[in-house]
PDB file of N, CA and C in Angstrom:
ATOM      1  N   MET A   1       0.858  -1.195  -0.010  1.00  0.00           N
ATOM      2  CA  MET A   1      -0.013   0.013   0.004  1.00  0.00           C
ATOM      3  C   MET A   1       0.889   1.239   0.010  1.00  0.00           C
ATOM      4  N   LYS A   2       0.638   2.167  -0.889  1.00  0.00           N
ATOM      5  CA  LYS A   2       1.412   3.361  -1.020  1.00  0.00           C
ATOM      6  C   LYS A   2       0.858   4.444  -0.103  1.00  0.00           C
ATOM      7  N   LYS A   3       1.796   5.135   0.584  1.00  0.00           N
ATOM      8  CA  LYS A   3       1.399   6.193   1.498  1.00  0.00           C
ATOM      9  C   LYS A   3       1.115   7.472   0.665  1.00  0.00           C
ATOM     10  N   ALA A   4       0.010   8.146   0.965  1.00  0.00           N
ATOM     11  CA  ALA A   4      -0.324   9.398   0.235  1.00  0.00           C
ATOM     12  C   ALA A   4       0.660  10.483   0.589  1.00  0.00           C
ATOM     13  N   LYS A   5       1.058  11.245  -0.394  1.00  0.00           N
ATOM     14  CA  LYS A   5       2.005  12.354  -0.135  1.00  0.00           C
ATOM     15  C   LYS A   5       1.320  13.429   0.647  1.00  0.00           C
ATOM     16  N   GLN A   6       1.999  13.936   1.706  1.00  0.00           N
ATOM     17  CA  GLN A   6       1.436  14.986   2.491  1.00  0.00           C
ATOM     18  C   GLN A   6       1.524  16.314   1.757  1.00  0.00           C
ATOM     19  N   LYS A   7       0.515  17.169   2.039  1.00  0.00           N
ATOM     20  CA  LYS A   7       0.471  18.459   1.399  1.00  0.00           C
ATOM     21  C   LYS A   7       1.487  19.360   2.147  1.00  0.00           C
ATOM     22  N   PHE A   8       2.258  20.108   1.350  1.00  0.00           N
ATOM     23  CA  PHE A   8       3.297  20.998   1.969  1.00  0.00           C
ATOM     24  C   PHE A   8       2.625  22.237   2.417  1.00  0.00           C
ATOM     25  N   PRO A   9       2.756  22.597   3.732  1.00  0.00           N
ATOM     26  CA  PRO A   9       2.095  23.764   4.318  1.00  0.00           C
ATOM     27  C   PRO A   9       2.681  25.069   3.894  1.00  0.00           C
ATOM     28  N   LEU A  10       1.882  26.055   3.567  1.00  0.00           N
ATOM     29  CA  LEU A  10       2.366  27.395   3.235  1.00  0.00           C
ATOM     30  C   LEU A  10       2.892  28.135   4.474  1.00  0.00           C
ATOM     31  N   HIS A  11       2.126  28.036   5.554  1.00  0.00           N
ATOM     32  CA  HIS A  11       2.431  28.756   6.783  1.00  0.00           C
ATOM     33  C   HIS A  11       2.308  27.865   8.029  1.00  0.00           C
ATOM     34  N   PRO A  12       3.289  26.949   8.244  1.00  0.00           N
ATOM     35  CA  PRO A  12       3.182  26.119   9.429  1.00  0.00           C
ATOM     36  C   PRO A  12       3.315  26.989  10.705  1.00  0.00           C
ATOM     37  N   LYS A  13       2.626  26.543  11.768  1.00  0.00           N
ATOM     38  CA  LYS A  13       2.630  27.312  13.019  1.00  0.00           C
ATOM     39  C   LYS A  13       4.015  27.329  13.669  1.00  0.00           C
ATOM     40  N   HIS A  14       4.729  26.191  13.702  1.00  0.00           N
ATOM     41  CA  HIS A  14       6.020  26.137  14.287  1.00  0.00           C
ATOM     42  C   HIS A  14       7.025  25.396  13.373  1.00  0.00           C
ATOM     43  N   PRO A  15       7.432  26.077  12.315  1.00  0.00           N
ATOM     44  CA  PRO A  15       8.305  25.392  11.294  1.00  0.00           C
ATOM     45  C   PRO A  15       9.632  24.989  11.922  1.00  0.00           C
ATOM     46  N   GLU A  16      10.069  25.640  12.945  1.00  0.00           N
ATOM     47  CA  GLU A  16      11.368  25.316  13.584  1.00  0.00           C
ATOM     48  C   GLU A  16      11.377  23.947  14.277  1.00  0.00           C
ATOM     49  N   ARG A  17      10.282  23.332  14.459  1.00  0.00           N
ATOM     50  CA  ARG A  17      10.184  22.030  15.129  1.00  0.00           C
ATOM     51  C   ARG A  17      10.312  20.860  14.197  1.00  0.00           C
ATOM     52  N   ILE A  18      10.366  21.146  12.884  1.00  0.00           N
ATOM     53  CA  ILE A  18      10.348  20.058  11.897  1.00  0.00           C
ATOM     54  C   ILE A  18      11.514  20.248  10.911  1.00  0.00           C
ATOM     55  N   CYS A  19      12.048  19.107  10.426  1.00  0.00           N
ATOM     56  CA  CYS A  19      13.031  19.162   9.310  1.00  0.00           C
ATOM     57  C   CYS A  19      12.213  19.040   8.023  1.00  0.00           C
ATOM     58  N   TRP A  20      12.448  19.973   7.095  1.00  0.00           N
ATOM     59  CA  TRP A  20      11.683  20.029   5.827  1.00  0.00           C
ATOM     60  C   TRP A  20      12.482  19.514   4.674  1.00  0.00           C
ATOM     61  N   GLY A  21      13.523  18.728   4.952  1.00  0.00           N
ATOM     62  CA  GLY A  21      14.450  18.263   3.902  1.00  0.00           C
ATOM     63  C   GLY A  21      13.952  17.092   3.062  1.00  0.00           C
ATOM     64  N   CYS A  22      12.957  16.360   3.541  1.00  0.00           N
ATOM     65  CA  CYS A  22      12.393  15.249   2.752  1.00  0.00           C
ATOM     66  C   CYS A  22      10.938  15.096   3.119  1.00  0.00           C
ATOM     67  N   ASP A  23      10.301  14.058   2.610  1.00  0.00           N
ATOM     68  CA  ASP A  23       8.866  13.858   2.831  1.00  0.00           C
ATOM     69  C   ASP A  23       8.559  13.194   4.205  1.00  0.00           C
ATOM     70  N   LYS A  24       9.583  12.960   4.991  1.00  0.00           N
ATOM     71  CA  LYS A  24       9.328  12.314   6.320  1.00  0.00           C
ATOM     72  C   LYS A  24       8.930  13.328   7.369  1.00  0.00           C
ATOM     73  N   TYR A  25       9.289  14.584   7.200  1.00  0.00           N
ATOM     74  CA  TYR A  25       8.979  15.663   8.143  1.00  0.00           C
ATOM     75  C   TYR A  25       9.305  15.271   9.591  1.00  0.00           C
ATOM     76  N   CYS A  26      10.527  14.926   9.823  1.00  0.00           N
ATOM     77  CA  CYS A  26      10.979  14.481  11.150  1.00  0.00           C
ATOM     78  C   CYS A  26      11.010  15.586  12.143  1.00  0.00           C
ATOM     79  N   PRO A  27      10.873  15.274  13.428  1.00  0.00           N
ATOM     80  CA  PRO A  27      11.084  16.279  14.462  1.00  0.00           C
ATOM     81  C   PRO A  27      12.518  16.810  14.366  1.00  0.00           C
ATOM     82  N   ALA A  28      12.746  18.037  14.596  1.00  0.00           N
ATOM     83  CA  ALA A  28      14.084  18.628  14.472  1.00  0.00           C
ATOM     84  C   ALA A  28      15.142  17.957  15.312  1.00  0.00           C
ATOM     85  N   ASP A  29      14.739  17.339  16.427  1.00  0.00           N
ATOM     86  CA  ASP A  29      15.715  16.674  17.295  1.00  0.00           C
ATOM     87  C   ASP A  29      15.828  15.156  17.105  1.00  0.00           C
ATOM     88  N   SER A  30      15.193  14.663  16.024  1.00  0.00           N
ATOM     89  CA  SER A  30      15.210  13.246  15.723  1.00  0.00           C
ATOM     90  C   SER A  30      15.159  12.991  14.240  1.00  0.00           C
ATOM     91  N   LEU A  31      16.263  13.349  13.533  1.00  0.00           N
ATOM     92  CA  LEU A  31      16.288  13.194  12.049  1.00  0.00           C
ATOM     93  C   LEU A  31      16.547  11.755  11.692  1.00  0.00           C
ATOM     94  N   LEU A  32      15.689  11.208  10.838  1.00  0.00           N
ATOM     95  CA  LEU A  32      15.767   9.796  10.449  1.00  0.00           C
ATOM     96  C   LEU A  32      16.398   9.529   9.074  1.00  0.00           C
ATOM     97  N   CYS A  33      16.342  10.493   8.172  1.00  0.00           N
ATOM     98  CA  CYS A  33      16.773  10.239   6.821  1.00  0.00           C
ATOM     99  C   CYS A  33      18.273  10.305   6.590  1.00  0.00           C
ATOM    100  N   GLY A  34      19.026  10.891   7.509  1.00  0.00           N
ATOM    101  CA  GLY A  34      20.445  11.021   7.282  1.00  0.00           C
ATOM    102  C   GLY A  34      20.770  12.113   6.310  1.00  0.00           C
ATOM    103  N   ASN A  35      19.900  13.088   6.174  1.00  0.00           N
ATOM    104  CA  ASN A  35      20.026  14.178   5.197  1.00  0.00           C
ATOM    105  C   ASN A  35      20.959  15.253   5.771  1.00  0.00           C
ATOM    106  N   GLY A  36      22.159  14.866   6.141  1.00  0.00           N
ATOM    107  CA  GLY A  36      23.093  15.846   6.762  1.00  0.00           C
ATOM    108  C   GLY A  36      22.948  15.836   8.283  1.00  0.00           C
ATOM    109  N   SER A  37      23.662  16.773   8.853  1.00  0.00           N
ATOM    110  CA  SER A  37      23.701  16.793  10.344  1.00  0.00           C
ATOM    111  C   SER A  37      22.722  17.795  10.920  1.00  0.00           C
ATOM    112  N   GLY A  38      22.073  18.582  10.099  1.00  0.00           N
ATOM    113  CA  GLY A  38      21.188  19.643  10.626  1.00  0.00           C
ATOM    114  C   GLY A  38      19.840  19.621   9.975  1.00  0.00           C
ATOM    115  N   ARG A  39      18.945  20.352  10.535  1.00  0.00           N
ATOM    116  CA  ARG A  39      17.597  20.434  10.050  1.00  0.00           C
ATOM    117  C   ARG A  39      17.485  21.364   8.834  1.00  0.00           C
ATOM    118  N   THR A  40      16.700  21.015   7.847  1.00  0.00           N
ATOM    119  CA  THR A  40      16.432  21.887   6.696  1.00  0.00           C
ATOM    120  C   THR A  40      15.293  22.804   7.050  1.00  0.00           C
ATOM    121  N   GLU A  41      15.499  24.088   6.904  1.00  0.00           N
ATOM    122  CA  GLU A  41      14.479  25.079   7.271  1.00  0.00           C
ATOM    123  C   GLU A  41      13.320  25.058   6.222  1.00  0.00           C
ATOM    124  N   HIS A  42      12.165  25.457   6.727  1.00  0.00           N
ATOM    125  CA  HIS A  42      11.027  25.714   5.826  1.00  0.00           C
ATOM    126  C   HIS A  42      11.307  26.980   5.060  1.00  0.00           C
ATOM    127  N   PRO A  43      10.887  27.057   3.761  1.00  0.00           N
ATOM    128  CA  PRO A  43      11.110  28.261   3.022  1.00  0.00           C
ATOM    129  C   PRO A  43      10.650  29.564   3.653  1.00  0.00           C
ATOM    130  N   ALA A  44       9.554  29.513   4.454  1.00  0.00           N
ATOM    131  CA  ALA A  44       9.081  30.689   5.140  1.00  0.00           C
ATOM    132  C   ALA A  44      10.106  31.242   6.145  1.00  0.00           C
ATOM    133  N   GLU A  45      10.901  30.366   6.721  1.00  0.00           N
ATOM    134  CA  GLU A  45      11.933  30.776   7.669  1.00  0.00           C
ATOM    135  C   GLU A  45      13.024  31.508   6.993  1.00  0.00           C
ATOM    136  N   MET A  46      13.302  31.180   5.733  1.00  0.00           N
ATOM    137  CA  MET A  46      14.435  31.803   4.992  1.00  0.00           C
ATOM    138  C   MET A  46      13.926  33.014   4.180  1.00  0.00           C
ATOM    139  N   LEU A  47      12.730  32.916   3.554  1.00  0.00           N
ATOM    140  CA  LEU A  47      12.307  33.945   2.596  1.00  0.00           C
ATOM    141  C   LEU A  47      11.191  34.792   3.102  1.00  0.00           C
ATOM    142  N   GLY A  48      10.549  34.444   4.204  1.00  0.00           N
ATOM    143  CA  GLY A  48       9.431  35.223   4.749  1.00  0.00           C
ATOM    144  C   GLY A  48       8.112  34.604   4.422  1.00  0.00           C
ATOM    145  N   GLU A  49       7.052  35.182   4.949  1.00  0.00           N
ATOM    146  CA  GLU A  49       5.695  34.607   4.771  1.00  0.00           C
ATOM    147  C   GLU A  49       5.180  34.512   3.327  1.00  0.00           C
ATOM    148  N   ASP A  50       5.716  35.387   2.462  1.00  0.00           N
ATOM    149  CA  ASP A  50       5.269  35.326   1.050  1.00  0.00           C
ATOM    150  C   ASP A  50       6.240  34.499   0.185  1.00  0.00           C
ATOM    151  N   TRP A  51       6.938  33.521   0.794  1.00  0.00           N
ATOM    152  CA  TRP A  51       7.960  32.729   0.121  1.00  0.00           C
ATOM    153  C   TRP A  51       7.468  32.061  -1.144  1.00  0.00           C
ATOM    154  N   TYR A  52       6.226  31.661  -1.164  1.00  0.00           N
ATOM    155  CA  TYR A  52       5.731  30.930  -2.333  1.00  0.00           C
ATOM    156  C   TYR A  52       5.446  31.833  -3.566  1.00  0.00           C
ATOM    157  N   THR A  53       5.552  33.143  -3.384  1.00  0.00           N
ATOM    158  CA  THR A  53       5.350  34.047  -4.527  1.00  0.00           C
ATOM    159  C   THR A  53       6.635  34.301  -5.249  1.00  0.00           C
ATOM    160  N   TRP A  54       7.789  33.829  -4.726  1.00  0.00           N
ATOM    161  CA  TRP A  54       9.093  33.985  -5.366  1.00  0.00           C
ATOM    162  C   TRP A  54       9.256  32.868  -6.367  1.00  0.00           C
ATOM    163  N   GLY A  55       9.955  33.149  -7.460  1.00  0.00           N
ATOM    164  CA  GLY A  55      10.271  32.113  -8.444  1.00  0.00           C
ATOM    165  C   GLY A  55       9.047  31.439  -8.999  1.00  0.00           C
ATOM    166  N   ASP A  56       9.105  30.104  -9.127  1.00  0.00           N
ATOM    167  CA  ASP A  56       7.983  29.363  -9.640  1.00  0.00           C
ATOM    168  C   ASP A  56       7.326  28.478  -8.570  1.00  0.00           C
ATOM    169  N   TRP A  57       7.498  28.793  -7.314  1.00  0.00           N
ATOM    170  CA  TRP A  57       6.816  28.046  -6.251  1.00  0.00           C
ATOM    171  C   TRP A  57       5.292  28.094  -6.420  1.00  0.00           C
ATOM    172  N   ALA A  58       4.796  29.154  -6.953  1.00  0.00           N
ATOM    173  CA  ALA A  58       3.318  29.331  -7.069  1.00  0.00           C
ATOM    174  C   ALA A  58       2.682  28.198  -7.918  1.00  0.00           C
ATOM    175  N   ARG A  59       3.415  27.622  -8.793  1.00  0.00           N
ATOM    176  CA  ARG A  59       2.829  26.503  -9.606  1.00  0.00           C
ATOM    177  C   ARG A  59       2.275  25.399  -8.705  1.00  0.00           C
ATOM    178  N   ASP A  60       2.800  25.201  -7.562  1.00  0.00           N
ATOM    179  CA  ASP A  60       2.375  24.156  -6.677  1.00  0.00           C
ATOM    180  C   ASP A  60       1.294  24.617  -5.696  1.00  0.00           C
ATOM    181  N   PHE A  61       1.076  25.911  -5.563  1.00  0.00           N
ATOM    182  CA  PHE A  61       0.188  26.383  -4.524  1.00  0.00           C
ATOM    183  C   PHE A  61      -0.959  27.303  -5.031  1.00  0.00           C
ATOM    184  N   ASP A  62      -0.795  27.895  -6.203  1.00  0.00           N
ATOM    185  CA  ASP A  62      -1.781  28.818  -6.705  1.00  0.00           C
ATOM    186  C   ASP A  62      -2.526  28.119  -7.901  1.00  0.00           C
ATOM    187  N   PRO A  63      -3.860  27.874  -7.730  1.00  0.00           N
ATOM    188  CA  PRO A  63      -4.554  27.223  -8.822  1.00  0.00           C
ATOM    189  C   PRO A  63      -4.667  28.015 -10.096  1.00  0.00           C
ATOM    190  N   ASP A  64      -4.439  29.312 -10.033  1.00  0.00           N
ATOM    191  CA  ASP A  64      -4.504  30.183 -11.246  1.00  0.00           C
ATOM    192  C   ASP A  64      -3.180  30.425 -11.852  1.00  0.00           C
ATOM    193  N   TRP A  65      -2.099  29.755 -11.364  1.00  0.00           N
ATOM    194  CA  TRP A  65      -0.778  30.010 -11.887  1.00  0.00           C
ATOM    195  C   TRP A  65      -0.652  29.479 -13.351  1.00  0.00           C
ATOM    196  N   GLU A  66      -0.002  30.295 -14.168  1.00  0.00           N
ATOM    197  CA  GLU A  66       0.226  29.858 -15.547  1.00  0.00           C
ATOM    198  C   GLU A  66       1.739  29.922 -15.853  1.00  0.00           C
ATOM    199  N   GLU A  67       2.204  28.990 -16.635  1.00  0.00           N
ATOM    200  CA  GLU A  67       3.610  28.939 -17.022  1.00  0.00           C
ATOM    201  C   GLU A  67       3.912  30.219 -17.813  1.00  0.00           C
ATOM    202  N   PRO A  68       5.037  30.933 -17.454  1.00  0.00           N
ATOM    203  CA  PRO A  68       5.369  32.145 -18.205  1.00  0.00           C
ATOM    204  C   PRO A  68       5.796  31.733 -19.635  1.00  0.00           C
ATOM    205  N   GLU A  69       5.590  32.663 -20.586  1.00  0.00           N
ATOM    206  CA  GLU A  69       5.964  32.360 -21.943  1.00  0.00           C
ATOM    207  C   GLU A  69       7.495  32.317 -22.039  1.00  0.00           C
ATOM    208  N   ASN A  70       7.938  31.367 -22.812  1.00  0.00           N
ATOM    209  CA  ASN A  70       9.406  31.253 -23.001  1.00  0.00           C
ATOM    210  C   ASN A  70       9.883  32.365 -23.934  1.00  0.00           C
ATOM    211  N   THR A  71      10.957  32.988 -23.570  1.00  0.00           N
ATOM    212  CA  THR A  71      11.540  34.031 -24.443  1.00  0.00           C
ATOM    213  C   THR A  71      12.865  33.472 -24.942  1.00  0.00           C
ATOM    214  N   PRO A  72      13.140  33.678 -26.221  1.00  0.00           N
ATOM    215  CA  PRO A  72      14.403  33.167 -26.795  1.00  0.00           C
ATOM    216  C   PRO A  72      15.592  33.861 -26.162  1.00  0.00           C
ATOM    217  N   HIS A  73      16.690  33.130 -26.017  1.00  0.00           N
ATOM    218  CA  HIS A  73      17.911  33.716 -25.508  1.00  0.00           C
ATOM    219  C   HIS A  73      18.535  34.558 -26.582  1.00  0.00           C
ATOM    220  N   GLN A  74      19.075  35.744 -26.185  1.00  0.00           N
ATOM    221  CA  GLN A  74      19.710  36.611 -27.155  1.00  0.00           C
ATOM    222  C   GLN A  74      21.156  36.716 -26.953  1.00  0.00           C
TER     223      GLN A  74
END
């Protein structure tokens, strides 16, 4: 039986309590995946509350998001 993928939260209440480095979402003091020696921060901790409006993050969170038109390299 396949486990359903958890939805990634836009604004978690206490992002500092969780490692966001993989889909396991381990407690910060009990990392299971071996993804380095430290906790991976939630994007809101690094970029602020509007983190998902930067770059192309919106494609995963905004139902009205559209792919920008490709412009040829000059």
